[in-house]
Amino acid sequence: MTNARTLALVQQRDDLVERIAIERIVIARNSASVQQLSRMLDKVRDGIRYLKSHPETLLLPIAIIVASRPRRLLAFVISAFGLWRMARMWRRRILS
Protein backbone atom coordinates (compact mmCIF):
# COMPACT_ATOMS: atom_id res chain seq x y z
CA MET A 1 0.00 0.00 0.00
CA THR A 2 1.06 3.48 -0.65
CA ASN A 3 1.75 5.99 2.03
CA ALA A 4 -1.21 8.20 0.94
CA ARG A 5 -3.61 5.25 1.05
CA THR A 6 -2.39 4.28 4.51
CA LEU A 7 -2.89 7.83 5.76
CA ALA A 8 -6.40 7.91 4.28
CA LEU A 9 -7.28 4.64 6.04
CA VAL A 10 -5.88 5.93 9.34
CA GLN A 11 -7.91 9.14 8.99
CA GLN A 12 -11.06 7.15 8.17
CA ARG A 13 -10.48 4.92 11.20
CA ASP A 14 -10.00 7.96 13.46
CA ASP A 15 -13.24 9.49 12.14
CA LEU A 16 -15.11 6.26 12.81
CA VAL A 17 -13.69 5.97 16.32
CA GLU A 18 -14.77 9.56 17.03
CA ARG A 19 -18.28 8.91 15.69
CA ILE A 20 -18.55 5.75 17.79
CA ALA A 21 -17.56 7.70 20.91
CA ILE A 22 -20.26 10.31 20.21
CA GLU A 23 -22.88 7.61 19.62
CA ARG A 24 -21.93 5.89 22.88
CA ILE A 25 -22.49 9.15 24.75
CA VAL A 26 -25.91 9.58 23.15
CA ILE A 27 -26.87 5.99 23.97
CA ALA A 28 -25.72 6.45 27.57
CA ARG A 29 -27.90 9.57 27.95
CA ASN A 30 -30.93 7.83 26.49
CA SER A 31 -30.46 4.73 28.58
CA ALA A 32 -30.18 6.78 31.78
CA SER A 33 -33.75 8.06 31.40
CA VAL A 34 -34.97 4.56 30.53
CA GLN A 35 -33.21 3.19 33.61
CA GLN A 36 -34.92 5.76 35.84
CA LEU A 37 -38.32 4.83 34.40
CA SER A 38 -37.51 1.15 34.78
CA ARG A 39 -36.55 1.62 38.44
CA MET A 40 -39.77 3.50 39.14
CA LEU A 41 -41.87 0.81 37.44
CA ASP A 42 -40.04 -1.87 39.43
CA LYS A 43 -40.93 -0.08 42.66
CA VAL A 44 -44.59 0.15 41.64
CA ARG A 45 -44.60 -3.53 40.65
CA ASP A 46 -42.97 -4.50 43.95
CA GLY A 47 -45.58 -2.48 45.85
CA ILE A 48 -48.41 -4.18 44.00
CA ARG A 49 -46.89 -7.59 44.67
CA TYR A 50 -46.56 -6.74 48.36
CA LEU A 51 -50.19 -5.63 48.57
CA LYS A 52 -51.31 -8.80 46.79
CA SER A 53 -49.42 -10.98 49.24
CA HIS A 54 -50.39 -8.85 52.28
CA PRO A 55 -53.93 -7.51 51.67
CA GLU A 56 -54.40 -6.92 55.38
CA THR A 57 -52.12 -3.90 54.97
CA LEU A 58 -55.06 -2.02 53.44
CA LEU A 59 -57.55 -2.90 56.17
CA LEU A 60 -56.48 -0.29 58.71
CA PRO A 61 -56.55 2.72 56.33
CA ILE A 62 -59.88 1.58 54.92
CA ALA A 63 -61.33 1.13 58.42
CA ILE A 64 -60.13 4.60 59.45
CA ILE A 65 -61.67 6.20 56.34
CA VAL A 66 -64.97 4.40 56.82
CA ALA A 67 -65.16 5.29 60.51
CA SER A 68 -64.15 8.92 60.22
CA ARG A 69 -65.64 10.22 56.97
CA PRO A 70 -68.59 8.22 55.66
CA ARG A 71 -69.83 11.08 53.44
CA ARG A 72 -66.41 11.55 51.85
CA LEU A 73 -66.16 7.82 51.35
CA LEU A 74 -69.51 7.78 49.59
CA ALA A 75 -68.44 10.67 47.36
CA PHE A 76 -65.19 8.87 46.59
CA VAL A 77 -67.01 5.65 45.70
CA ILE A 78 -69.36 7.52 43.41
CA SER A 79 -66.44 9.29 41.71
CA ALA A 80 -64.48 6.05 41.36
CA PHE A 81 -67.51 4.32 39.86
CA GLY A 82 -67.95 7.15 37.36
CA LEU A 83 -64.27 6.99 36.38
CA TRP A 84 -64.51 3.22 36.00
CA ARG A 85 -67.54 3.52 33.72
CA MET A 86 -65.83 6.21 31.67
CA ALA A 87 -62.69 4.08 31.32
CA ARG A 88 -64.80 1.11 30.19
CA MET A 89 -66.54 3.27 27.59
CA TRP A 90 -63.24 4.61 26.24
CA ARG A 91 -61.78 1.13 26.17
CA ARG A 92 -64.75 -0.18 24.18
CA ARG A 93 -64.40 2.68 21.69
CA ILE A 94 -60.65 2.13 21.30
CA LEU A 95 -60.93 -1.64 20.91
CA SER A 96 -63.85 -1.56 18.50
PDB file of N, CA and C in Angstrom:
ATOM      1  N   MET A   1       0.836  -1.180   0.000  1.00  0.00           N
ATOM      2  CA  MET A   1       0.000   0.000   0.000  1.00  0.00           C
ATOM      3  C   MET A   1       0.878   1.239   0.000  1.00  0.00           C
ATOM      4  N   THR A   2       0.312   2.233  -0.591  1.00  0.00           N
ATOM      5  CA  THR A   2       1.062   3.479  -0.650  1.00  0.00           C
ATOM      6  C   THR A   2       0.877   4.251   0.648  1.00  0.00           C
ATOM      7  N   ASN A   3       1.771   5.184   0.821  1.00  0.00           N
ATOM      8  CA  ASN A   3       1.751   5.994   2.027  1.00  0.00           C
ATOM      9  C   ASN A   3       0.479   6.842   2.107  1.00  0.00           C
ATOM     10  N   ALA A   4      -0.001   7.372   0.975  1.00  0.00           N
ATOM     11  CA  ALA A   4      -1.210   8.201   0.942  1.00  0.00           C
ATOM     12  C   ALA A   4      -2.434   7.355   1.289  1.00  0.00           C
ATOM     13  N   ARG A   5      -2.471   6.146   0.766  1.00  0.00           N
ATOM     14  CA  ARG A   5      -3.608   5.247   1.048  1.00  0.00           C
ATOM     15  C   ARG A   5      -3.625   4.868   2.533  1.00  0.00           C
ATOM     16  N   THR A   6      -2.484   4.607   3.091  1.00  0.00           N
ATOM     17  CA  THR A   6      -2.387   4.278   4.512  1.00  0.00           C
ATOM     18  C   THR A   6      -2.859   5.444   5.369  1.00  0.00           C
ATOM     19  N   LEU A   7      -2.450   6.648   5.017  1.00  0.00           N
ATOM     20  CA  LEU A   7      -2.889   7.832   5.764  1.00  0.00           C
ATOM     21  C   LEU A   7      -4.398   8.033   5.656  1.00  0.00           C
ATOM     22  N   ALA A   8      -4.956   7.775   4.472  1.00  0.00           N
ATOM     23  CA  ALA A   8      -6.404   7.905   4.280  1.00  0.00           C
ATOM     24  C   ALA A   8      -7.151   6.901   5.148  1.00  0.00           C
ATOM     25  N   LEU A   9      -6.648   5.662   5.210  1.00  0.00           N
ATOM     26  CA  LEU A   9      -7.281   4.641   6.045  1.00  0.00           C
ATOM     27  C   LEU A   9      -7.179   4.991   7.530  1.00  0.00           C
ATOM     28  N   VAL A  10      -6.051   5.512   7.939  1.00  0.00           N
ATOM     29  CA  VAL A  10      -5.879   5.926   9.339  1.00  0.00           C
ATOM     30  C   VAL A  10      -6.842   7.063   9.671  1.00  0.00           C
ATOM     31  N   GLN A  11      -6.986   8.017   8.764  1.00  0.00           N
ATOM     32  CA  GLN A  11      -7.908   9.137   8.987  1.00  0.00           C
ATOM     33  C   GLN A  11      -9.353   8.633   9.056  1.00  0.00           C
ATOM     34  N   GLN A  12      -9.711   7.709   8.165  1.00  0.00           N
ATOM     35  CA  GLN A  12     -11.063   7.151   8.167  1.00  0.00           C
ATOM     36  C   GLN A  12     -11.332   6.401   9.477  1.00  0.00           C
ATOM     37  N   ARG A  13     -10.341   5.649   9.927  1.00  0.00           N
ATOM     38  CA  ARG A  13     -10.478   4.922  11.195  1.00  0.00           C
ATOM     39  C   ARG A  13     -10.657   5.897  12.354  1.00  0.00           C
ATOM     40  N   ASP A  14      -9.872   6.965  12.390  1.00  0.00           N
ATOM     41  CA  ASP A  14      -9.999   7.963  13.457  1.00  0.00           C
ATOM     42  C   ASP A  14     -11.379   8.609  13.454  1.00  0.00           C
ATOM     43  N   ASP A  15     -11.897   8.907  12.255  1.00  0.00           N
ATOM     44  CA  ASP A  15     -13.242   9.489  12.139  1.00  0.00           C
ATOM     45  C   ASP A  15     -14.300   8.526  12.674  1.00  0.00           C
ATOM     46  N   LEU A  16     -14.151   7.252  12.327  1.00  0.00           N
ATOM     47  CA  LEU A  16     -15.110   6.258  12.807  1.00  0.00           C
ATOM     48  C   LEU A  16     -15.043   6.096  14.320  1.00  0.00           C
ATOM     49  N   VAL A  17     -13.853   6.093  14.870  1.00  0.00           N
ATOM     50  CA  VAL A  17     -13.694   5.974  16.324  1.00  0.00           C
ATOM     51  C   VAL A  17     -14.337   7.172  17.019  1.00  0.00           C
ATOM     52  N   GLU A  18     -14.168   8.357  16.450  1.00  0.00           N
ATOM     53  CA  GLU A  18     -14.773   9.564  17.029  1.00  0.00           C
ATOM     54  C   GLU A  18     -16.296   9.480  16.972  1.00  0.00           C
ATOM     55  N   ARG A  19     -16.828   9.026  15.836  1.00  0.00           N
ATOM     56  CA  ARG A  19     -18.279   8.911  15.688  1.00  0.00           C
ATOM     57  C   ARG A  19     -18.834   7.868  16.677  1.00  0.00           C
ATOM     58  N   ILE A  20     -18.119   6.773  16.835  1.00  0.00           N
ATOM     59  CA  ILE A  20     -18.547   5.747  17.787  1.00  0.00           C
ATOM     60  C   ILE A  20     -18.581   6.310  19.204  1.00  0.00           C
ATOM     61  N   ALA A  21     -17.594   7.101  19.571  1.00  0.00           N
ATOM     62  CA  ALA A  21     -17.558   7.701  20.909  1.00  0.00           C
ATOM     63  C   ALA A  21     -18.758   8.615  21.128  1.00  0.00           C
ATOM     64  N   ILE A  22     -19.096   9.407  20.109  1.00  0.00           N
ATOM     65  CA  ILE A  22     -20.259  10.308  20.209  1.00  0.00           C
ATOM     66  C   ILE A  22     -21.541   9.493  20.338  1.00  0.00           C
ATOM     67  N   GLU A  23     -21.678   8.431  19.550  1.00  0.00           N
ATOM     68  CA  GLU A  23     -22.881   7.607  19.619  1.00  0.00           C
ATOM     69  C   GLU A  23     -23.001   6.911  20.974  1.00  0.00           C
ATOM     70  N   ARG A  24     -21.889   6.511  21.549  1.00  0.00           N
ATOM     71  CA  ARG A  24     -21.929   5.894  22.878  1.00  0.00           C
ATOM     72  C   ARG A  24     -22.424   6.876  23.927  1.00  0.00           C
ATOM     73  N   ILE A  25     -22.021   8.126  23.810  1.00  0.00           N
ATOM     74  CA  ILE A  25     -22.485   9.154  24.753  1.00  0.00           C
ATOM     75  C   ILE A  25     -23.991   9.346  24.620  1.00  0.00           C
ATOM     76  N   VAL A  26     -24.476   9.405  23.382  1.00  0.00           N
ATOM     77  CA  VAL A  26     -25.914   9.581  23.145  1.00  0.00           C
ATOM     78  C   VAL A  26     -26.689   8.390  23.701  1.00  0.00           C
ATOM     79  N   ILE A  27     -26.197   7.191  23.461  1.00  0.00           N
ATOM     80  CA  ILE A  27     -26.871   5.992  23.969  1.00  0.00           C
ATOM     81  C   ILE A  27     -26.877   5.997  25.494  1.00  0.00           C
ATOM     82  N   ALA A  28     -25.782   6.404  26.107  1.00  0.00           N
ATOM     83  CA  ALA A  28     -25.718   6.453  27.569  1.00  0.00           C
ATOM     84  C   ALA A  28     -26.736   7.437  28.130  1.00  0.00           C
ATOM     85  N   ARG A  29     -26.905   8.590  27.491  1.00  0.00           N
ATOM     86  CA  ARG A  29     -27.897   9.574  27.949  1.00  0.00           C
ATOM     87  C   ARG A  29     -29.305   9.008  27.834  1.00  0.00           C
ATOM     88  N   ASN A  30     -29.595   8.383  26.701  1.00  0.00           N
ATOM     89  CA  ASN A  30     -30.934   7.830  26.492  1.00  0.00           C
ATOM     90  C   ASN A  30     -31.217   6.680  27.448  1.00  0.00           C
ATOM     91  N   SER A  31     -30.232   5.869  27.697  1.00  0.00           N
ATOM     92  CA  SER A  31     -30.462   4.726  28.580  1.00  0.00           C
ATOM     93  C   SER A  31     -30.612   5.169  30.029  1.00  0.00           C
ATOM     94  N   ALA A  32     -30.044   6.298  30.405  1.00  0.00           N
ATOM     95  CA  ALA A  32     -30.184   6.784  31.777  1.00  0.00           C
ATOM     96  C   ALA A  32     -31.644   7.111  32.081  1.00  0.00           C
ATOM     97  N   SER A  33     -32.347   7.749  31.159  1.00  0.00           N
ATOM     98  CA  SER A  33     -33.752   8.063  31.396  1.00  0.00           C
ATOM     99  C   SER A  33     -34.592   6.796  31.395  1.00  0.00           C
ATOM    100  N   VAL A  34     -34.244   5.830  30.551  1.00  0.00           N
ATOM    101  CA  VAL A  34     -34.970   4.564  30.530  1.00  0.00           C
ATOM    102  C   VAL A  34     -34.728   3.801  31.836  1.00  0.00           C
ATOM    103  N   GLN A  35     -33.514   3.870  32.349  1.00  0.00           N
ATOM    104  CA  GLN A  35     -33.208   3.186  33.608  1.00  0.00           C
ATOM    105  C   GLN A  35     -33.997   3.791  34.767  1.00  0.00           C
ATOM    106  N   GLN A  36     -34.140   5.114  34.788  1.00  0.00           N
ATOM    107  CA  GLN A  36     -34.922   5.757  35.844  1.00  0.00           C
ATOM    108  C   GLN A  36     -36.378   5.299  35.774  1.00  0.00           C
ATOM    109  N   LEU A  37     -36.941   5.282  34.576  1.00  0.00           N
ATOM    110  CA  LEU A  37     -38.317   4.834  34.398  1.00  0.00           C
ATOM    111  C   LEU A  37     -38.454   3.373  34.808  1.00  0.00           C
ATOM    112  N   SER A  38     -37.490   2.569  34.437  1.00  0.00           N
ATOM    113  CA  SER A  38     -37.512   1.149  34.781  1.00  0.00           C
ATOM    114  C   SER A  38     -37.465   0.953  36.300  1.00  0.00           C
ATOM    115  N   ARG A  39     -36.627   1.723  36.983  1.00  0.00           N
ATOM    116  CA  ARG A  39     -36.550   1.625  38.444  1.00  0.00           C
ATOM    117  C   ARG A  39     -37.874   2.010  39.097  1.00  0.00           C
ATOM    118  N   MET A  40     -38.502   3.065  38.583  1.00  0.00           N
ATOM    119  CA  MET A  40     -39.772   3.501  39.139  1.00  0.00           C
ATOM    120  C   MET A  40     -40.847   2.429  38.922  1.00  0.00           C
ATOM    121  N   LEU A  41     -40.893   1.859  37.727  1.00  0.00           N
ATOM    122  CA  LEU A  41     -41.871   0.812  37.443  1.00  0.00           C
ATOM    123  C   LEU A  41     -41.618  -0.432  38.296  1.00  0.00           C
ATOM    124  N   ASP A  42     -40.364  -0.737  38.558  1.00  0.00           N
ATOM    125  CA  ASP A  42     -40.039  -1.866  39.425  1.00  0.00           C
ATOM    126  C   ASP A  42     -40.564  -1.627  40.839  1.00  0.00           C
ATOM    127  N   LYS A  43     -40.421  -0.396  41.322  1.00  0.00           N
ATOM    128  CA  LYS A  43     -40.926  -0.082  42.662  1.00  0.00           C
ATOM    129  C   LYS A  43     -42.449  -0.210  42.726  1.00  0.00           C
ATOM    130  N   VAL A  44     -43.122   0.269  41.687  1.00  0.00           N
ATOM    131  CA  VAL A  44     -44.587   0.148  41.643  1.00  0.00           C
ATOM    132  C   VAL A  44     -44.983  -1.324  41.605  1.00  0.00           C
ATOM    133  N   ARG A  45     -44.307  -2.100  40.759  1.00  0.00           N
ATOM    134  CA  ARG A  45     -44.604  -3.527  40.649  1.00  0.00           C
ATOM    135  C   ARG A  45     -44.359  -4.240  41.981  1.00  0.00           C
ATOM    136  N   ASP A  46     -43.259  -3.896  42.651  1.00  0.00           N
ATOM    137  CA  ASP A  46     -42.969  -4.499  43.950  1.00  0.00           C
ATOM    138  C   ASP A  46     -44.039  -4.136  44.980  1.00  0.00           C
ATOM    139  N   GLY A  47     -44.508  -2.900  44.943  1.00  0.00           N
ATOM    140  CA  GLY A  47     -45.578  -2.483  45.852  1.00  0.00           C
ATOM    141  C   GLY A  47     -46.872  -3.237  45.608  1.00  0.00           C
ATOM    142  N   ILE A  48     -47.202  -3.424  44.340  1.00  0.00           N
ATOM    143  CA  ILE A  48     -48.415  -4.175  44.003  1.00  0.00           C
ATOM    144  C   ILE A  48     -48.276  -5.626  44.450  1.00  0.00           C
ATOM    145  N   ARG A  49     -47.111  -6.209  44.221  1.00  0.00           N
ATOM    146  CA  ARG A  49     -46.885  -7.590  44.673  1.00  0.00           C
ATOM    147  C   ARG A  49     -47.016  -7.698  46.192  1.00  0.00           C
ATOM    148  N   TYR A  50     -46.475  -6.714  46.899  1.00  0.00           N
ATOM    149  CA  TYR A  50     -46.558  -6.737  48.358  1.00  0.00           C
ATOM    150  C   TYR A  50     -48.013  -6.664  48.804  1.00  0.00           C
ATOM    151  N   LEU A  51     -48.785  -5.761  48.188  1.00  0.00           N
ATOM    152  CA  LEU A  51     -50.186  -5.631  48.575  1.00  0.00           C
ATOM    153  C   LEU A  51     -50.983  -6.887  48.230  1.00  0.00           C
ATOM    154  N   LYS A  52     -50.620  -7.550  47.128  1.00  0.00           N
ATOM    155  CA  LYS A  52     -51.311  -8.799  46.791  1.00  0.00           C
ATOM    156  C   LYS A  52     -51.006  -9.893  47.801  1.00  0.00           C
ATOM    157  N   SER A  53     -49.780  -9.933  48.284  1.00  0.00           N
ATOM    158  CA  SER A  53     -49.419 -10.976  49.244  1.00  0.00           C
ATOM    159  C   SER A  53     -49.784 -10.597  50.676  1.00  0.00           C
ATOM    160  N   HIS A  54     -50.015  -9.318  50.943  1.00  0.00           N
ATOM    161  CA  HIS A  54     -50.389  -8.846  52.282  1.00  0.00           C
ATOM    162  C   HIS A  54     -51.596  -7.901  52.182  1.00  0.00           C
ATOM    163  N   PRO A  55     -52.765  -8.410  51.825  1.00  0.00           N
ATOM    164  CA  PRO A  55     -53.933  -7.515  51.669  1.00  0.00           C
ATOM    165  C   PRO A  55     -54.385  -6.892  52.979  1.00  0.00           C
ATOM    166  N   GLU A  56     -54.000  -7.483  54.097  1.00  0.00           N
ATOM    167  CA  GLU A  56     -54.400  -6.920  55.379  1.00  0.00           C
ATOM    168  C   GLU A  56     -53.779  -5.548  55.618  1.00  0.00           C
ATOM    169  N   THR A  57     -52.766  -5.207  54.854  1.00  0.00           N
ATOM    170  CA  THR A  57     -52.123  -3.897  54.973  1.00  0.00           C
ATOM    171  C   THR A  57     -53.117  -2.772  54.681  1.00  0.00           C
ATOM    172  N   LEU A  58     -54.079  -3.052  53.820  1.00  0.00           N
ATOM    173  CA  LEU A  58     -55.056  -2.021  53.443  1.00  0.00           C
ATOM    174  C   LEU A  58     -56.235  -1.925  54.405  1.00  0.00           C
ATOM    175  N   LEU A  59     -56.382  -2.894  55.292  1.00  0.00           N
ATOM    176  CA  LEU A  59     -57.553  -2.904  56.167  1.00  0.00           C
ATOM    177  C   LEU A  59     -57.594  -1.715  57.127  1.00  0.00           C
ATOM    178  N   LEU A  60     -56.493  -1.392  57.742  1.00  0.00           N
ATOM    179  CA  LEU A  60     -56.482  -0.291  58.709  1.00  0.00           C
ATOM    180  C   LEU A  60     -56.814   1.057  58.051  1.00  0.00           C
ATOM    181  N   PRO A  61     -56.159   1.444  56.951  1.00  0.00           N
ATOM    182  CA  PRO A  61     -56.547   2.718  56.333  1.00  0.00           C
ATOM    183  C   PRO A  61     -58.003   2.742  55.875  1.00  0.00           C
ATOM    184  N   ILE A  62     -58.486   1.627  55.357  1.00  0.00           N
ATOM    185  CA  ILE A  62     -59.885   1.579  54.923  1.00  0.00           C
ATOM    186  C   ILE A  62     -60.812   1.714  56.123  1.00  0.00           C
ATOM    187  N   ALA A  63     -60.494   1.037  57.215  1.00  0.00           N
ATOM    188  CA  ALA A  63     -61.326   1.133  58.422  1.00  0.00           C
ATOM    189  C   ALA A  63     -61.341   2.553  58.967  1.00  0.00           C
ATOM    190  N   ILE A  64     -60.198   3.218  58.955  1.00  0.00           N
ATOM    191  CA  ILE A  64     -60.132   4.601  59.445  1.00  0.00           C
ATOM    192  C   ILE A  64     -60.973   5.525  58.573  1.00  0.00           C
ATOM    193  N   ILE A  65     -60.884   5.355  57.259  1.00  0.00           N
ATOM    194  CA  ILE A  65     -61.668   6.195  56.343  1.00  0.00           C
ATOM    195  C   ILE A  65     -63.156   5.968  56.549  1.00  0.00           C
ATOM    196  N   VAL A  66     -63.551   4.716  56.647  1.00  0.00           N
ATOM    197  CA  VAL A  66     -64.971   4.398  56.818  1.00  0.00           C
ATOM    198  C   VAL A  66     -65.487   4.956  58.138  1.00  0.00           C
ATOM    199  N   ALA A  67     -64.700   4.836  59.194  1.00  0.00           N
ATOM    200  CA  ALA A  67     -65.159   5.289  60.505  1.00  0.00           C
ATOM    201  C   ALA A  67     -65.179   6.804  60.632  1.00  0.00           C
ATOM    202  N   SER A  68     -64.256   7.485  59.995  1.00  0.00           N
ATOM    203  CA  SER A  68     -64.154   8.920  60.223  1.00  0.00           C
ATOM    204  C   SER A  68     -64.937   9.772  59.227  1.00  0.00           C
ATOM    205  N   ARG A  69     -65.013   9.373  57.979  1.00  0.00           N
ATOM    206  CA  ARG A  69     -65.636  10.224  56.969  1.00  0.00           C
ATOM    207  C   ARG A  69     -66.572   9.429  56.047  1.00  0.00           C
ATOM    208  N   PRO A  70     -67.720   9.011  56.529  1.00  0.00           N
ATOM    209  CA  PRO A  70     -68.593   8.224  55.664  1.00  0.00           C
ATOM    210  C   PRO A  70     -69.100   9.005  54.441  1.00  0.00           C
ATOM    211  N   ARG A  71     -69.347  10.296  54.586  1.00  0.00           N
ATOM    212  CA  ARG A  71     -69.830  11.081  53.439  1.00  0.00           C
ATOM    213  C   ARG A  71     -68.745  11.209  52.370  1.00  0.00           C
ATOM    214  N   ARG A  72     -67.517  11.459  52.815  1.00  0.00           N
ATOM    215  CA  ARG A  72     -66.412  11.548  51.853  1.00  0.00           C
ATOM    216  C   ARG A  72     -66.185  10.214  51.170  1.00  0.00           C
ATOM    217  N   LEU A  73     -66.328   9.147  51.925  1.00  0.00           N
ATOM    218  CA  LEU A  73     -66.162   7.817  51.348  1.00  0.00           C
ATOM    219  C   LEU A  73     -67.221   7.573  50.281  1.00  0.00           C
ATOM    220  N   LEU A  74     -68.439   7.948  50.564  1.00  0.00           N
ATOM    221  CA  LEU A  74     -69.510   7.783  49.588  1.00  0.00           C
ATOM    222  C   LEU A  74     -69.226   8.606  48.337  1.00  0.00           C
ATOM    223  N   ALA A  75     -68.776   9.832  48.509  1.00  0.00           N
ATOM    224  CA  ALA A  75     -68.436  10.674  47.356  1.00  0.00           C
ATOM    225  C   ALA A  75     -67.287  10.063  46.568  1.00  0.00           C
ATOM    226  N   PHE A  76     -66.307   9.511  47.267  1.00  0.00           N
ATOM    227  CA  PHE A  76     -65.185   8.870  46.592  1.00  0.00           C
ATOM    228  C   PHE A  76     -65.644   7.649  45.796  1.00  0.00           C
ATOM    229  N   VAL A  77     -66.501   6.843  46.390  1.00  0.00           N
ATOM    230  CA  VAL A  77     -67.007   5.645  45.704  1.00  0.00           C
ATOM    231  C   VAL A  77     -67.781   6.042  44.458  1.00  0.00           C
ATOM    232  N   ILE A  78     -68.591   7.059  44.572  1.00  0.00           N
ATOM    233  CA  ILE A  78     -69.356   7.515  43.407  1.00  0.00           C
ATOM    234  C   ILE A  78     -68.415   8.024  42.317  1.00  0.00           C
ATOM    235  N   SER A  79     -67.411   8.791  42.689  1.00  0.00           N
ATOM    236  CA  SER A  79     -66.438   9.287  41.708  1.00  0.00           C
ATOM    237  C   SER A  79     -65.662   8.140  41.072  1.00  0.00           C
ATOM    238  N   ALA A  80     -65.234   7.200  41.881  1.00  0.00           N
ATOM    239  CA  ALA A  80     -64.485   6.054  41.356  1.00  0.00           C
ATOM    240  C   ALA A  80     -65.340   5.247  40.405  1.00  0.00           C
ATOM    241  N   PHE A  81     -66.616   5.062  40.746  1.00  0.00           N
ATOM    242  CA  PHE A  81     -67.508   4.315  39.864  1.00  0.00           C
ATOM    243  C   PHE A  81     -67.688   5.046  38.535  1.00  0.00           C
ATOM    244  N   GLY A  82     -67.833   6.367  38.592  1.00  0.00           N
ATOM    245  CA  GLY A  82     -67.951   7.150  37.360  1.00  0.00           C
ATOM    246  C   GLY A  82     -66.694   7.051  36.507  1.00  0.00           C
ATOM    247  N   LEU A  83     -65.525   7.130  37.126  1.00  0.00           N
ATOM    248  CA  LEU A  83     -64.273   6.986  36.384  1.00  0.00           C
ATOM    249  C   LEU A  83     -64.149   5.602  35.771  1.00  0.00           C
ATOM    250  N   TRP A  84     -64.563   4.587  36.512  1.00  0.00           N
ATOM    251  CA  TRP A  84     -64.508   3.219  36.004  1.00  0.00           C
ATOM    252  C   TRP A  84     -65.406   3.051  34.785  1.00  0.00           C
ATOM    253  N   ARG A  85     -66.615   3.610  34.866  1.00  0.00           N
ATOM    254  CA  ARG A  85     -67.537   3.520  33.718  1.00  0.00           C
ATOM    255  C   ARG A  85     -66.979   4.270  32.517  1.00  0.00           C
ATOM    256  N   MET A  86     -66.396   5.436  32.756  1.00  0.00           N
ATOM    257  CA  MET A  86     -65.826   6.215  31.666  1.00  0.00           C
ATOM    258  C   MET A  86     -64.658   5.459  31.032  1.00  0.00           C
ATOM    259  N   ALA A  87     -63.817   4.849  31.841  1.00  0.00           N
ATOM    260  CA  ALA A  87     -62.692   4.078  31.323  1.00  0.00           C
ATOM    261  C   ALA A  87     -63.186   2.895  30.495  1.00  0.00           C
ATOM    262  N   ARG A  88     -64.231   2.225  30.963  1.00  0.00           N
ATOM    263  CA  ARG A  88     -64.797   1.107  30.191  1.00  0.00           C
ATOM    264  C   ARG A  88     -65.322   1.582  28.848  1.00  0.00           C
ATOM    265  N   MET A  89     -65.988   2.734  28.832  1.00  0.00           N
ATOM    266  CA  MET A  89     -66.544   3.271  27.593  1.00  0.00           C
ATOM    267  C   MET A  89     -65.420   3.615  26.620  1.00  0.00           C
ATOM    268  N   TRP A  90     -64.369   4.271  27.097  1.00  0.00           N
ATOM    269  CA  TRP A  90     -63.239   4.610  26.236  1.00  0.00           C
ATOM    270  C   TRP A  90     -62.558   3.363  25.710  1.00  0.00           C
ATOM    271  N   ARG A  91     -62.428   2.376  26.586  1.00  0.00           N
ATOM    272  CA  ARG A  91     -61.779   1.126  26.168  1.00  0.00           C
ATOM    273  C   ARG A  91     -62.576   0.442  25.068  1.00  0.00           C
ATOM    274  N   ARG A  92     -63.895   0.429  25.228  1.00  0.00           N
ATOM    275  CA  ARG A  92     -64.749  -0.176  24.181  1.00  0.00           C
ATOM    276  C   ARG A  92     -64.588   0.559  22.852  1.00  0.00           C
ATOM    277  N   ARG A  93     -64.535   1.892  22.924  1.00  0.00           N
ATOM    278  CA  ARG A  93     -64.396   2.682  21.691  1.00  0.00           C
ATOM    279  C   ARG A  93     -63.027   2.448  21.033  1.00  0.00           C
ATOM    280  N   ILE A  94     -62.007   2.336  21.850  1.00  0.00           N
ATOM    281  CA  ILE A  94     -60.650   2.130  21.305  1.00  0.00           C
ATOM    282  C   ILE A  94     -60.540   0.745  20.695  1.00  0.00           C
ATOM    283  N   LEU A  95     -61.075  -0.269  21.377  1.00  0.00           N
ATOM    284  CA  LEU A  95     -60.925  -1.638  20.907  1.00  0.00           C
ATOM    285  C   LEU A  95     -61.862  -1.989  19.758  1.00  0.00           C
ATOM    286  N   SER A  96     -62.916  -1.219  19.578  1.00  0.00           N
ATOM    287  CA  SER A  96     -63.853  -1.560  18.497  1.00  0.00           C
ATOM    288  C   SER A  96     -63.500  -0.884  17.189  1.00  0.00           C
TER     289      SER A  96
END
